[in-house]
Amino acid sequence: MASLKEVKNRITSIISTQQITKAMKMVAAAKLRKSQERIVQMRPFSEKLSEVLRSVSGAGEEGQSWYNAEREEKNVLIVVVSADRGLCGSFNSTVFKAATKLIKDKYARQHEQGRLTILTIGKKGQEYFKKRGYKVEETYATLFQDLTFENVSGAAEFMMSSFKNGTYDKIDIVYNEFKNVATQILRVEAYLPIKAATTDSKAAEVDYIYQPDREEIVTGLIPKSLRVQLFKAVLDSNAAFNGAQMTAMDKATENAGELLKELKLAYNRTRQAAITKEILEIVGGAEALKSS
């Protein structure tokens, strides 16, 4: 049985840890409210813009351009959106496992030939893939330090120009989509080339009127839509991270509370045993004096 001092030290340590997890939960909750508002406001615009883009992309052969060019997938770029920090449950590991599985199942040949690159958004992704010997593009790993549309647009411009000039033939994005505080949905999406809407889809049924002309509108719409698509994925991941961290810290606080109950019970039992032992020693000594 542990001594009273050891149990008391453990209780003090657990209380200190519980205070930290409570504070982190409150900070994550405050950040979650803001990040949730941003993604909720962004989603309708992003989804409609993507729908329009897919529709006009499939509108005849004249719609074929660099953004929907199907090429042999010699060089591949995978964008992995993780977080800058841990203490968020399985948030980061889920994305890493999905990206690794995607490489193994679909791009194993390109990886073996050194033709696969990981573009990391989030420091944890940068650390994970560099440590495992992947070819990593680190330029945009710190986007979460100043998460604005302009900064994310810089990453989108890099991806678009890299696809347009043939540096990469395929670009995919792996990220966590925010559903609610306790749930994230893993997404693996094709970024470039853009897939045109199929003939039986809702987007393909819309007959748009172009003014001044289709080419000018599509040319301006493509970069904007791709920038918005990436920004939406990053905002989703940011909100999902805050939700995951809030949930993890809440659970950690609860676990600390349960552990404190057990330690306090153990402390009281140990203290009671010590007192009982002292009483028995006193009574034994008194009886010894009487008999003498």
Protein backbone atom coordinates (compact mmCIF):
# COMPACT_ATOMS: atom_id res chain seq x y z
CA MET A 1 0.00 0.00 0.00
CA ALA A 2 1.27 3.49 -0.95
CA SER A 3 2.19 5.86 1.86
CA LEU A 4 0.04 8.87 2.77
CA LYS A 5 2.63 11.24 1.31
CA GLU A 6 2.71 9.42 -2.04
CA VAL A 7 -1.09 9.40 -2.33
CA LYS A 8 -1.29 13.08 -1.35
CA ASN A 9 1.31 14.00 -4.00
CA ARG A 10 -0.67 12.12 -6.63
CA ILE A 11 -3.87 13.94 -5.61
CA THR A 12 -2.11 17.31 -5.90
CA SER A 13 -0.76 16.36 -9.34
CA ILE A 14 -4.18 15.22 -10.61
CA ILE A 15 -5.86 18.42 -9.37
CA SER A 16 -3.26 20.50 -11.22
CA THR A 17 -3.78 18.47 -14.41
CA GLN A 18 -7.56 18.78 -14.10
CA GLN A 19 -7.27 22.57 -13.88
CA ILE A 20 -5.23 22.59 -17.09
CA THR A 21 -7.69 20.36 -18.99
CA LYS A 22 -10.62 22.53 -17.82
CA ALA A 23 -8.87 25.66 -19.08
CA MET A 24 -8.05 24.01 -22.43
CA LYS A 25 -11.65 22.89 -22.78
CA MET A 26 -12.88 26.46 -22.24
CA VAL A 27 -10.40 27.86 -24.76
CA ALA A 28 -11.36 25.22 -27.34
CA ALA A 29 -15.07 25.95 -26.75
CA ALA A 30 -14.53 29.67 -27.38
CA LYS A 31 -12.56 28.96 -30.57
CA LEU A 32 -15.15 26.40 -31.68
CA ARG A 33 -17.97 28.94 -31.64
CA LYS A 34 -16.06 31.24 -33.97
CA SER A 35 -14.79 28.51 -36.29
CA GLN A 36 -18.22 26.88 -36.44
CA GLU A 37 -19.84 30.16 -37.48
CA ARG A 38 -17.27 30.61 -40.25
CA ILE A 39 -17.75 27.16 -41.78
CA VAL A 40 -21.57 27.27 -41.50
CA GLN A 41 -21.58 30.57 -43.38
CA MET A 42 -19.10 29.31 -45.99
CA ARG A 43 -20.72 25.95 -46.87
CA PRO A 44 -23.79 27.08 -48.89
CA PHE A 45 -21.68 29.40 -51.04
CA SER A 46 -18.95 26.79 -51.53
CA GLU A 47 -21.38 24.00 -52.43
CA LYS A 48 -23.32 26.15 -54.92
CA LEU A 49 -20.15 27.44 -56.54
CA SER A 50 -18.80 23.90 -56.92
CA GLU A 51 -22.12 22.77 -58.40
CA VAL A 52 -22.04 25.56 -60.97
CA LEU A 53 -18.43 24.82 -61.85
CA ARG A 54 -19.09 21.10 -62.37
CA SER A 55 -22.09 21.94 -64.52
CA VAL A 56 -20.27 24.33 -66.84
CA SER A 57 -17.27 21.99 -66.95
CA GLY A 58 -19.42 19.33 -68.60
CA ALA A 59 -21.15 21.66 -71.03
CA GLY A 60 -19.74 20.34 -74.28
CA GLU A 61 -16.29 19.94 -75.75
CA GLU A 62 -15.70 23.67 -75.83
CA GLY A 63 -15.64 23.52 -72.03
CA GLN A 64 -12.47 21.41 -71.99
CA SER A 65 -9.53 23.32 -70.56
CA TRP A 66 -6.51 22.90 -68.29
CA TYR A 67 -8.62 22.54 -65.13
CA ASN A 68 -10.42 19.39 -66.28
CA ALA A 69 -7.64 17.86 -68.39
CA GLU A 70 -7.32 14.13 -67.71
CA ARG A 71 -3.64 13.18 -67.89
CA GLU A 72 -1.59 10.13 -67.02
CA GLU A 73 -1.00 10.37 -63.28
CA LYS A 74 2.79 10.44 -63.31
CA ASN A 75 3.22 13.08 -60.61
CA VAL A 76 0.79 13.33 -57.71
CA LEU A 77 0.26 15.91 -54.97
CA ILE A 78 -1.71 15.00 -51.83
CA VAL A 79 -2.81 17.88 -49.62
CA VAL A 80 -3.06 16.74 -45.99
CA VAL A 81 -4.89 19.13 -43.66
CA SER A 82 -4.06 18.32 -40.03
CA ALA A 83 -3.59 20.56 -36.97
CA ASP A 84 -0.75 22.51 -35.38
CA ARG A 85 -1.22 20.84 -32.00
CA GLY A 86 -2.20 17.54 -30.41
CA LEU A 87 -4.36 16.74 -27.36
CA CYS A 88 -7.33 16.24 -29.70
CA GLY A 89 -8.00 12.52 -29.59
CA SER A 90 -7.66 10.70 -32.90
CA PHE A 91 -8.13 13.86 -35.01
CA ASN A 92 -4.64 13.92 -36.54
CA SER A 93 -4.03 10.17 -36.68
CA THR A 94 -7.27 9.63 -38.64
CA VAL A 95 -6.08 11.97 -41.39
CA PHE A 96 -2.59 10.45 -41.44
CA LYS A 97 -3.96 6.91 -41.72
CA ALA A 98 -6.30 7.92 -44.53
CA ALA A 99 -3.52 9.65 -46.48
CA THR A 100 -1.19 6.67 -46.00
CA LYS A 101 -3.92 4.28 -47.12
CA LEU A 102 -4.63 6.44 -50.18
CA ILE A 103 -0.96 6.30 -51.14
CA LYS A 104 -0.75 2.56 -50.59
CA ASP A 105 -3.95 1.74 -52.49
CA LYS A 106 -3.79 4.26 -55.33
CA TYR A 107 -0.39 5.90 -55.64
CA ALA A 108 2.10 3.24 -54.54
CA ARG A 109 3.92 3.31 -57.90
CA GLN A 110 4.33 7.09 -57.86
CA HIS A 111 5.60 6.96 -54.28
CA GLU A 112 8.17 4.30 -55.11
CA GLN A 113 9.40 6.38 -58.07
CA GLY A 114 9.67 9.54 -55.97
CA ARG A 115 6.88 11.23 -57.92
CA LEU A 116 4.52 11.73 -54.98
CA THR A 117 4.56 14.88 -52.85
CA ILE A 118 2.70 15.69 -49.64
CA LEU A 119 1.62 19.30 -49.18
CA THR A 120 0.99 19.72 -45.46
CA ILE A 121 -1.33 22.29 -43.91
CA GLY A 122 -0.74 22.00 -40.17
CA LYS A 123 2.50 21.37 -38.27
CA LYS A 124 1.52 17.89 -37.11
CA GLY A 125 1.23 16.69 -40.70
CA GLN A 126 4.58 18.21 -41.55
CA GLU A 127 6.26 16.43 -38.63
CA TYR A 128 4.54 13.10 -39.34
CA PHE A 129 5.37 12.76 -43.03
CA LYS A 130 8.88 14.22 -42.83
CA LYS A 131 9.74 11.74 -40.09
CA ARG A 132 8.62 8.86 -42.33
CA GLY A 133 10.67 9.95 -45.32
CA TYR A 134 7.95 11.33 -47.59
CA LYS A 135 8.64 14.14 -50.02
CA VAL A 136 6.99 17.10 -48.27
CA GLU A 137 6.07 20.58 -49.51
CA GLU A 138 6.33 22.69 -46.32
CA THR A 139 5.54 26.18 -47.61
CA TYR A 140 1.98 26.26 -46.30
CA ALA A 141 2.36 24.16 -43.13
CA THR A 142 1.76 27.17 -40.84
CA LEU A 143 -1.49 28.49 -42.39
CA PHE A 144 -3.43 27.98 -39.15
CA GLN A 145 -1.30 30.61 -37.42
CA ASP A 146 -3.05 33.26 -39.53
CA LEU A 147 -6.11 31.62 -41.08
CA THR A 148 -7.42 34.05 -43.71
CA PHE A 149 -8.84 33.63 -47.18
CA GLU A 150 -5.87 35.49 -48.65
CA ASN A 151 -3.32 33.14 -47.08
CA VAL A 152 -5.21 30.01 -48.10
CA SER A 153 -5.62 31.46 -51.60
CA GLY A 154 -1.82 31.49 -51.87
CA ALA A 155 -1.77 27.72 -51.38
CA ALA A 156 -4.61 27.32 -53.89
CA GLU A 157 -2.72 29.41 -56.47
CA PHE A 158 0.34 27.21 -55.99
CA MET A 159 -1.73 24.07 -56.53
CA MET A 160 -3.49 25.47 -59.62
CA SER A 161 -0.30 26.69 -61.26
CA SER A 162 1.46 23.38 -60.47
CA PHE A 163 -1.35 21.46 -62.15
CA LYS A 164 -1.63 23.85 -65.08
CA ASN A 165 2.09 23.75 -65.94
CA GLY A 166 2.25 19.95 -65.57
CA THR A 167 4.26 19.73 -62.34
CA TYR A 168 1.46 17.54 -60.96
CA ASP A 169 -1.07 15.51 -62.92
CA LYS A 170 -3.41 14.83 -59.99
CA ILE A 171 -4.13 16.66 -56.75
CA ASP A 172 -6.19 15.18 -53.90
CA ILE A 173 -7.16 16.63 -50.50
CA VAL A 174 -7.47 14.69 -47.23
CA TYR A 175 -9.12 16.45 -44.28
CA ASN A 176 -11.65 16.18 -41.46
CA GLU A 177 -15.05 17.74 -42.09
CA PHE A 178 -16.84 19.26 -39.12
CA LYS A 179 -20.22 17.65 -38.33
CA ASN A 180 -20.69 18.46 -34.65
CA VAL A 181 -18.65 18.86 -31.48
CA ALA A 182 -18.10 15.13 -31.05
CA THR A 183 -18.04 13.98 -34.69
CA GLN A 184 -15.73 14.59 -37.63
CA ILE A 185 -16.19 13.09 -41.09
CA LEU A 186 -13.04 12.06 -42.94
CA ARG A 187 -12.98 13.40 -46.50
CA VAL A 188 -10.73 12.34 -49.39
CA GLU A 189 -11.57 14.56 -52.36
CA ALA A 190 -10.18 15.15 -55.83
CA TYR A 191 -9.08 18.78 -56.23
CA LEU A 192 -7.68 18.75 -59.75
CA PRO A 193 -8.64 17.87 -62.40
CA ILE A 194 -12.23 18.96 -61.83
CA LYS A 195 -14.79 16.25 -62.46
CA ALA A 196 -17.63 17.39 -64.72
CA ALA A 197 -21.19 16.77 -63.60
CA THR A 198 -22.68 13.49 -64.84
CA THR A 199 -25.75 13.55 -67.05
CA ASP A 200 -28.01 12.24 -64.28
CA SER A 201 -26.86 14.72 -61.61
CA LYS A 202 -28.77 17.77 -60.47
CA ALA A 203 -25.99 20.11 -61.56
CA ALA A 204 -26.08 18.76 -65.12
CA GLU A 205 -29.80 19.56 -65.48
CA VAL A 206 -29.31 23.33 -65.07
CA ASP A 207 -29.26 25.36 -68.27
CA TYR A 208 -27.27 28.52 -67.53
CA ILE A 209 -27.46 31.76 -69.47
CA TYR A 210 -23.99 33.30 -69.84
CA GLN A 211 -23.43 37.02 -70.01
CA PRO A 212 -21.23 38.44 -71.46
CA ASP A 213 -20.01 35.01 -72.65
CA ARG A 214 -19.36 31.52 -71.32
CA GLU A 215 -15.59 31.53 -71.77
CA GLU A 216 -15.05 34.76 -69.84
CA ILE A 217 -17.27 33.66 -66.97
CA VAL A 218 -15.74 30.19 -66.69
CA THR A 219 -12.22 31.60 -66.83
CA GLY A 220 -12.96 33.84 -63.86
CA LEU A 221 -15.06 31.26 -62.04
CA ILE A 222 -12.53 28.42 -62.04
CA PRO A 223 -9.79 30.01 -59.88
CA LYS A 224 -12.36 31.52 -57.50
CA SER A 225 -14.14 28.18 -57.05
CA LEU A 226 -10.90 26.30 -56.40
CA ARG A 227 -9.73 28.89 -53.87
CA VAL A 228 -13.09 28.70 -52.08
CA GLN A 229 -13.00 24.87 -52.15
CA LEU A 230 -9.62 24.78 -50.41
CA PHE A 231 -10.62 27.49 -47.93
CA LYS A 232 -13.76 25.53 -47.06
CA ALA A 233 -11.71 22.36 -46.43
CA VAL A 234 -9.31 24.27 -44.15
CA LEU A 235 -12.16 25.93 -42.24
CA ASP A 236 -13.86 22.54 -41.85
CA SER A 237 -10.66 21.06 -40.47
CA ASN A 238 -10.16 23.98 -38.08
CA ALA A 239 -13.68 23.67 -36.67
CA ALA A 240 -13.34 19.89 -36.45
CA PHE A 241 -10.05 20.24 -34.55
CA ASN A 242 -11.56 22.64 -32.01
CA GLY A 243 -14.49 20.28 -31.52
CA ALA A 244 -12.17 17.29 -31.13
CA GLN A 245 -9.95 19.11 -28.64
CA MET A 246 -12.94 20.30 -26.63
CA THR A 247 -14.30 16.76 -26.47
CA ALA A 248 -10.90 15.29 -25.56
CA MET A 249 -10.29 17.84 -22.79
CA ASP A 250 -13.81 17.32 -21.44
CA LYS A 251 -13.20 13.58 -21.27
CA ALA A 252 -9.80 14.12 -19.69
CA THR A 253 -11.38 16.35 -17.04
CA GLU A 254 -13.99 13.68 -16.28
CA ASN A 255 -11.32 10.99 -16.06
CA ALA A 256 -9.30 13.16 -13.69
CA GLY A 257 -12.38 13.57 -11.50
CA GLU A 258 -12.92 9.81 -11.36
CA LEU A 259 -9.26 9.25 -10.54
CA LEU A 260 -9.44 11.87 -7.78
CA LYS A 261 -12.36 10.03 -6.17
CA GLU A 262 -10.36 6.80 -6.13
CA LEU A 263 -7.24 8.49 -4.78
CA LYS A 264 -9.15 10.33 -2.04
CA LEU A 265 -10.78 7.06 -1.03
CA ALA A 266 -7.38 5.36 -0.98
CA TYR A 267 -5.98 8.29 1.03
CA ASN A 268 -8.76 8.04 3.63
CA ARG A 269 -8.34 4.28 3.90
CA THR A 270 -4.58 4.59 4.31
CA ARG A 271 -5.03 7.34 6.91
CA GLN A 272 -7.63 5.28 8.76
CA ALA A 273 -5.33 2.25 8.75
CA ALA A 274 -2.48 4.37 10.12
CA ILE A 275 -4.69 5.77 12.90
CA THR A 276 -6.01 2.31 13.75
CA LYS A 277 -2.45 0.99 13.90
CA GLU A 278 -1.40 3.79 16.26
CA ILE A 279 -4.41 3.15 18.52
CA LEU A 280 -3.62 -0.57 18.66
CA GLU A 281 -0.01 0.20 19.54
CA ILE A 282 -1.12 2.54 22.37
CA VAL A 283 -3.64 0.00 23.70
CA GLY A 284 -1.04 -2.77 23.48
CA GLY A 285 1.45 -0.62 25.36
CA ALA A 286 -1.10 0.18 28.06
CA GLU A 287 -1.99 -3.48 28.49
CA ALA A 288 1.69 -4.33 28.75
CA LEU A 289 2.13 -1.77 31.54
CA LYS A 290 -0.87 -3.17 33.47
CA SER A 291 0.41 -6.73 33.28
CA SER A 292 3.81 -5.62 34.53
